[in-house]
């Protein structure tokens, strides 16, 4: 069966964030093969400042699910894990985003791929860099390595090995 490489970003800053990331990864495994998991990055909050730091990672999910099917699955996972997002860019148990779906571009009312703000966020780019530094951003036409090196604002505070945490 045909498998598409999907880069999925995960973040958490409520409850046991490491546990939350692990639960989300376990749920994603039900819908494809996770071939790689990035290290975990602790980052300052983006946007709403009055909250705890985030724990961020990314996975490379090989799946046969189509983008809209995958986003619906992700929404169900977030619901199951009690995302609890009440403020835009605010605290949450889990946040899961499709960053890349193959090398394709999609524009739906509830989903844009590649994720439109990923290129501006080190807490998204650096976990993907762990997985594949040479992957090309589909619209920017630059490698993740190049994009991450050019970022002006840095949010990441610390890097942790996922092997010890998830």
C-alpha atoms as a PDB file:
ATOM      1  CA  UNK A   1       0.000   0.000   0.000  1.00  0.00           C
ATOM      2  CA  UNK A   2       1.235   3.504  -0.881  1.00  0.00           C
ATOM      3  CA  UNK A   3       2.580   5.431   2.120  1.00  0.00           C
ATOM      4  CA  UNK A   4       3.059   9.193   2.330  1.00  0.00           C
ATOM      5  CA  UNK A   5       5.705  10.734   4.589  1.00  0.00           C
ATOM      6  CA  UNK A   6       4.034  13.178   6.967  1.00  0.00           C
ATOM      7  CA  UNK A   7       5.903  15.389   9.374  1.00  0.00           C
ATOM      8  CA  UNK A   8       3.765  15.890  12.454  1.00  0.00           C
ATOM      9  CA  UNK A   9       4.616  18.408  15.200  1.00  0.00           C
ATOM     10  CA  UNK A  10       3.506  17.804  18.773  1.00  0.00           C
ATOM     11  CA  UNK A  11       3.507  20.128  21.775  1.00  0.00           C
ATOM     12  CA  UNK A  12       2.300  20.163  25.370  1.00  0.00           C
ATOM     13  CA  UNK A  13       2.576  22.436  28.398  1.00  0.00           C
ATOM     14  CA  UNK A  14      -0.144  21.220  30.783  1.00  0.00           C
ATOM     15  CA  UNK A  15       0.024  18.253  33.109  1.00  0.00           C
ATOM     16  CA  UNK A  16       2.805  15.748  32.478  1.00  0.00           C
ATOM     17  CA  UNK A  17       3.913  17.014  29.070  1.00  0.00           C
ATOM     18  CA  UNK A  18       6.302  14.132  28.391  1.00  0.00           C
ATOM     19  CA  UNK A  19       3.536  11.637  29.129  1.00  0.00           C
ATOM     20  CA  UNK A  20       1.122  13.621  26.919  1.00  0.00           C
ATOM     21  CA  UNK A  21       3.573  13.535  23.997  1.00  0.00           C
ATOM     22  CA  UNK A  22       4.071   9.801  24.476  1.00  0.00           C
ATOM     23  CA  UNK A  23       0.303   9.171  24.501  1.00  0.00           C
ATOM     24  CA  UNK A  24      -0.127  11.199  21.313  1.00  0.00           C
ATOM     25  CA  UNK A  25       2.646   9.251  19.585  1.00  0.00           C
ATOM     26  CA  UNK A  26       1.062   5.979  20.703  1.00  0.00           C
ATOM     27  CA  UNK A  27      -2.264   7.086  19.200  1.00  0.00           C
ATOM     28  CA  UNK A  28      -0.648   8.204  15.925  1.00  0.00           C
ATOM     29  CA  UNK A  29       0.950   4.756  15.580  1.00  0.00           C
ATOM     30  CA  UNK A  30      -2.546   3.329  15.100  1.00  0.00           C
ATOM     31  CA  UNK A  31      -2.831   5.192  11.788  1.00  0.00           C
ATOM     32  CA  UNK A  32       0.574   4.605  10.226  1.00  0.00           C
ATOM     33  CA  UNK A  33       4.175   3.740  10.868  1.00  0.00           C
ATOM     34  CA  UNK A  34       6.283   6.199  12.847  1.00  0.00           C
ATOM     35  CA  UNK A  35       9.724   5.810  11.334  1.00  0.00           C
ATOM     36  CA  UNK A  36      11.446   8.568  13.308  1.00  0.00           C
ATOM     37  CA  UNK A  37      10.902  10.581  16.473  1.00  0.00           C
ATOM     38  CA  UNK A  38      12.751  13.844  17.102  1.00  0.00           C
ATOM     39  CA  UNK A  39      14.258  14.859  20.389  1.00  0.00           C
ATOM     40  CA  UNK A  40      12.109  16.916  22.771  1.00  0.00           C
ATOM     41  CA  UNK A  41      12.653  20.668  22.939  1.00  0.00           C
ATOM     42  CA  UNK A  42      11.579  22.865  25.816  1.00  0.00           C
ATOM     43  CA  UNK A  43      10.544  26.259  24.508  1.00  0.00           C
ATOM     44  CA  UNK A  44       9.185  29.544  25.739  1.00  0.00           C
ATOM     45  CA  UNK A  45       5.508  30.023  24.920  1.00  0.00           C
ATOM     46  CA  UNK A  46       4.664  31.527  21.552  1.00  0.00           C
ATOM     47  CA  UNK A  47       1.994  34.223  21.551  1.00  0.00           C
ATOM     48  CA  UNK A  48       0.260  34.143  24.926  1.00  0.00           C
ATOM     49  CA  UNK A  49       3.125  34.656  27.412  1.00  0.00           C
ATOM     50  CA  UNK A  50       1.403  33.862  30.739  1.00  0.00           C
ATOM     51  CA  UNK A  51       1.817  30.091  30.660  1.00  0.00           C
ATOM     52  CA  UNK A  52       4.366  27.362  31.303  1.00  0.00           C
ATOM     53  CA  UNK A  53       7.052  26.420  28.795  1.00  0.00           C
ATOM     54  CA  UNK A  54       6.160  23.946  26.062  1.00  0.00           C
ATOM     55  CA  UNK A  55       7.627  20.533  25.358  1.00  0.00           C
ATOM     56  CA  UNK A  56       7.837  20.029  21.575  1.00  0.00           C
ATOM     57  CA  UNK A  57       8.782  17.167  19.301  1.00  0.00           C
ATOM     58  CA  UNK A  58       8.008  15.879  15.825  1.00  0.00           C
ATOM     59  CA  UNK A  59       7.490  12.513  14.194  1.00  0.00           C
ATOM     60  CA  UNK A  60       7.781  11.186  10.685  1.00  0.00           C
ATOM     61  CA  UNK A  61       4.552   9.277  10.116  1.00  0.00           C
ATOM     62  CA  UNK A  62       4.245   7.057   7.069  1.00  0.00           C
ATOM     63  CA  UNK A  63       0.540   6.719   6.373  1.00  0.00           C
ATOM     64  CA  UNK A  64      -1.985   5.927   3.681  1.00  0.00           C
ATOM     65  CA  UNK A  65      -4.496   8.389   5.181  1.00  0.00           C
ATOM     66  CA  UNK A  66      -5.376  11.367   3.016  1.00  0.00           C
ATOM     67  CA  UNK A  67      -4.841  14.877   4.483  1.00  0.00           C
ATOM     68  CA  UNK A  68      -8.452  15.559   5.490  1.00  0.00           C
ATOM     69  CA  UNK A  69      -8.813  12.070   6.919  1.00  0.00           C
ATOM     70  CA  UNK A  70      -5.566  12.541   8.857  1.00  0.00           C
ATOM     71  CA  UNK A  71      -6.595  15.926  10.292  1.00  0.00           C
ATOM     72  CA  UNK A  72      -9.885  14.404  11.456  1.00  0.00           C
ATOM     73  CA  UNK A  73      -7.952  11.583  13.146  1.00  0.00           C
ATOM     74  CA  UNK A  74      -5.660  14.135  14.783  1.00  0.00           C
ATOM     75  CA  UNK A  75      -8.673  16.111  16.015  1.00  0.00           C
ATOM     76  CA  UNK A  76     -10.048  12.929  17.591  1.00  0.00           C
ATOM     77  CA  UNK A  77      -6.688  12.203  19.248  1.00  0.00           C
ATOM     78  CA  UNK A  78      -6.561  15.753  20.633  1.00  0.00           C
ATOM     79  CA  UNK A  79     -10.098  15.357  21.939  1.00  0.00           C
ATOM     80  CA  UNK A  80      -9.271  11.989  23.536  1.00  0.00           C
ATOM     81  CA  UNK A  81      -6.175  13.465  25.199  1.00  0.00           C
ATOM     82  CA  UNK A  82      -8.158  16.534  26.309  1.00  0.00           C
ATOM     83  CA  UNK A  83      -6.414  19.268  24.357  1.00  0.00           C
ATOM     84  CA  UNK A  84      -8.193  21.926  26.490  1.00  0.00           C
ATOM     85  CA  UNK A  85      -7.241  24.861  24.288  1.00  0.00           C
ATOM     86  CA  UNK A  86      -9.154  27.884  25.550  1.00  0.00           C
ATOM     87  CA  UNK A  87      -6.842  30.712  24.448  1.00  0.00           C
ATOM     88  CA  UNK A  88      -5.238  31.150  21.023  1.00  0.00           C
ATOM     89  CA  UNK A  89      -1.615  29.979  21.398  1.00  0.00           C
ATOM     90  CA  UNK A  90      -2.491  29.269  25.014  1.00  0.00           C
ATOM     91  CA  UNK A  91      -1.833  26.349  27.353  1.00  0.00           C
ATOM     92  CA  UNK A  92      -2.899  22.863  26.327  1.00  0.00           C
ATOM     93  CA  UNK A  93      -2.397  19.211  27.181  1.00  0.00           C
ATOM     94  CA  UNK A  94      -1.573  18.375  23.582  1.00  0.00           C
ATOM     95  CA  UNK A  95      -1.323  20.101  20.241  1.00  0.00           C
ATOM     96  CA  UNK A  96      -0.768  18.101  17.065  1.00  0.00           C
ATOM     97  CA  UNK A  97      -0.172  19.722  13.665  1.00  0.00           C
ATOM     98  CA  UNK A  98       0.490  18.357  10.198  1.00  0.00           C
ATOM     99  CA  UNK A  99       3.530  20.314   9.018  1.00  0.00           C
ATOM    100  CA  UNK A 100       4.270  18.517   5.739  1.00  0.00           C
ATOM    101  CA  UNK A 101       2.344  15.877   3.810  1.00  0.00           C
ATOM    102  CA  UNK A 102       4.842  14.524   1.315  1.00  0.00           C
ATOM    103  CA  UNK A 103       5.978  17.370  -0.905  1.00  0.00           C
ATOM    104  CA  UNK A 104       2.415  18.424  -1.554  1.00  0.00           C
ATOM    105  CA  UNK A 105       0.518  21.653  -0.921  1.00  0.00           C
ATOM    106  CA  UNK A 106      -3.096  21.664   0.253  1.00  0.00           C
ATOM    107  CA  UNK A 107      -5.542  24.466   0.952  1.00  0.00           C
ATOM    108  CA  UNK A 108      -8.735  23.423   2.698  1.00  0.00           C
ATOM    109  CA  UNK A 109     -10.954  25.519   4.975  1.00  0.00           C
ATOM    110  CA  UNK A 110      -9.721  23.611   8.035  1.00  0.00           C
ATOM    111  CA  UNK A 111      -6.212  22.665   6.906  1.00  0.00           C
ATOM    112  CA  UNK A 112      -3.288  24.274   5.096  1.00  0.00           C
ATOM    113  CA  UNK A 113      -0.220  22.183   4.254  1.00  0.00           C
ATOM    114  CA  UNK A 114       2.582  23.005   4.624  1.00  0.00           C
ATOM    115  CA  UNK A 115       1.664  24.537   7.959  1.00  0.00           C
ATOM    116  CA  UNK A 116       1.692  28.281   7.196  1.00  0.00           C
ATOM    117  CA  UNK A 117       3.670  29.384  10.277  1.00  0.00           C
ATOM    118  CA  UNK A 118       6.074  26.445  10.660  1.00  0.00           C
ATOM    119  CA  UNK A 119       8.867  28.229   8.789  1.00  0.00           C
ATOM    120  CA  UNK A 120       8.944  30.943  11.475  1.00  0.00           C
ATOM    121  CA  UNK A 121       9.127  28.730  14.562  1.00  0.00           C
ATOM    122  CA  UNK A 122      12.293  27.065  15.824  1.00  0.00           C
ATOM    123  CA  UNK A 123      10.269  24.747  18.075  1.00  0.00           C
ATOM    124  CA  UNK A 124       8.748  23.284  14.890  1.00  0.00           C
ATOM    125  CA  UNK A 125      11.798  23.391  12.604  1.00  0.00           C
ATOM    126  CA  UNK A 126      14.441  21.990  14.973  1.00  0.00           C
ATOM    127  CA  UNK A 127      12.570  18.758  15.731  1.00  0.00           C
ATOM    128  CA  UNK A 128      12.091  18.267  11.971  1.00  0.00           C
ATOM    129  CA  UNK A 129      15.789  19.047  11.536  1.00  0.00           C
ATOM    130  CA  UNK A 130      16.508  16.097  13.880  1.00  0.00           C
ATOM    131  CA  UNK A 131      14.544  13.837  11.560  1.00  0.00           C
ATOM    132  CA  UNK A 132      15.772  15.128   8.187  1.00  0.00           C
ATOM    133  CA  UNK A 133      17.803  18.363   7.885  1.00  0.00           C
ATOM    134  CA  UNK A 134      17.728  18.287   4.101  1.00  0.00           C
ATOM    135  CA  UNK A 135      13.995  18.034   3.499  1.00  0.00           C
ATOM    136  CA  UNK A 136      12.831  20.927   1.345  1.00  0.00           C
ATOM    137  CA  UNK A 137       9.995  23.147   2.479  1.00  0.00           C
ATOM    138  CA  UNK A 138       7.399  22.765  -0.331  1.00  0.00           C
ATOM    139  CA  UNK A 139       6.638  26.486  -0.702  1.00  0.00           C
ATOM    140  CA  UNK A 140       9.841  28.134   0.542  1.00  0.00           C
ATOM    141  CA  UNK A 141      12.027  25.866  -1.638  1.00  0.00           C
ATOM    142  CA  UNK A 142      14.726  25.872   1.047  1.00  0.00           C
ATOM    143  CA  UNK A 143      15.931  23.118   3.340  1.00  0.00           C
ATOM    144  CA  UNK A 144      14.792  22.973   6.946  1.00  0.00           C
ATOM    145  CA  UNK A 145      18.447  23.435   7.895  1.00  0.00           C
ATOM    146  CA  UNK A 146      18.616  26.711   5.950  1.00  0.00           C
ATOM    147  CA  UNK A 147      15.277  27.983   7.264  1.00  0.00           C
ATOM    148  CA  UNK A 148      16.151  27.226  10.879  1.00  0.00           C
ATOM    149  CA  UNK A 149      19.545  28.937  10.571  1.00  0.00           C
ATOM    150  CA  UNK A 150      17.897  32.157   9.356  1.00  0.00           C
ATOM    151  CA  UNK A 151      15.339  32.493  12.158  1.00  0.00           C
ATOM    152  CA  UNK A 152      15.504  35.800  14.002  1.00  0.00           C
ATOM    153  CA  UNK A 153      13.411  34.895  17.074  1.00  0.00           C
ATOM    154  CA  UNK A 154      14.377  31.838  19.092  1.00  0.00           C
ATOM    155  CA  UNK A 155      12.010  30.178  21.554  1.00  0.00           C
ATOM    156  CA  UNK A 156      13.915  27.005  22.426  1.00  0.00           C
ATOM    157  CA  UNK A 157      15.498  26.885  25.867  1.00  0.00           C
ATOM    158  CA  UNK A 158      16.719  23.296  26.097  1.00  0.00           C
ATOM    159  CA  UNK A 159      16.933  20.028  24.145  1.00  0.00           C
ATOM    160  CA  UNK A 160      16.243  16.625  25.737  1.00  0.00           C
ATOM    161  CA  UNK A 161      16.817  13.200  24.191  1.00  0.00           C
ATOM    162  CA  UNK A 162      13.476  11.560  23.431  1.00  0.00           C
ATOM    163  CA  UNK A 163      14.952   8.143  24.184  1.00  0.00           C
ATOM    164  CA  UNK A 164      15.026   9.002  27.876  1.00  0.00           C
ATOM    165  CA  UNK A 165      11.579  10.538  27.920  1.00  0.00           C
ATOM    166  CA  UNK A 166       9.098   8.915  25.542  1.00  0.00           C
END
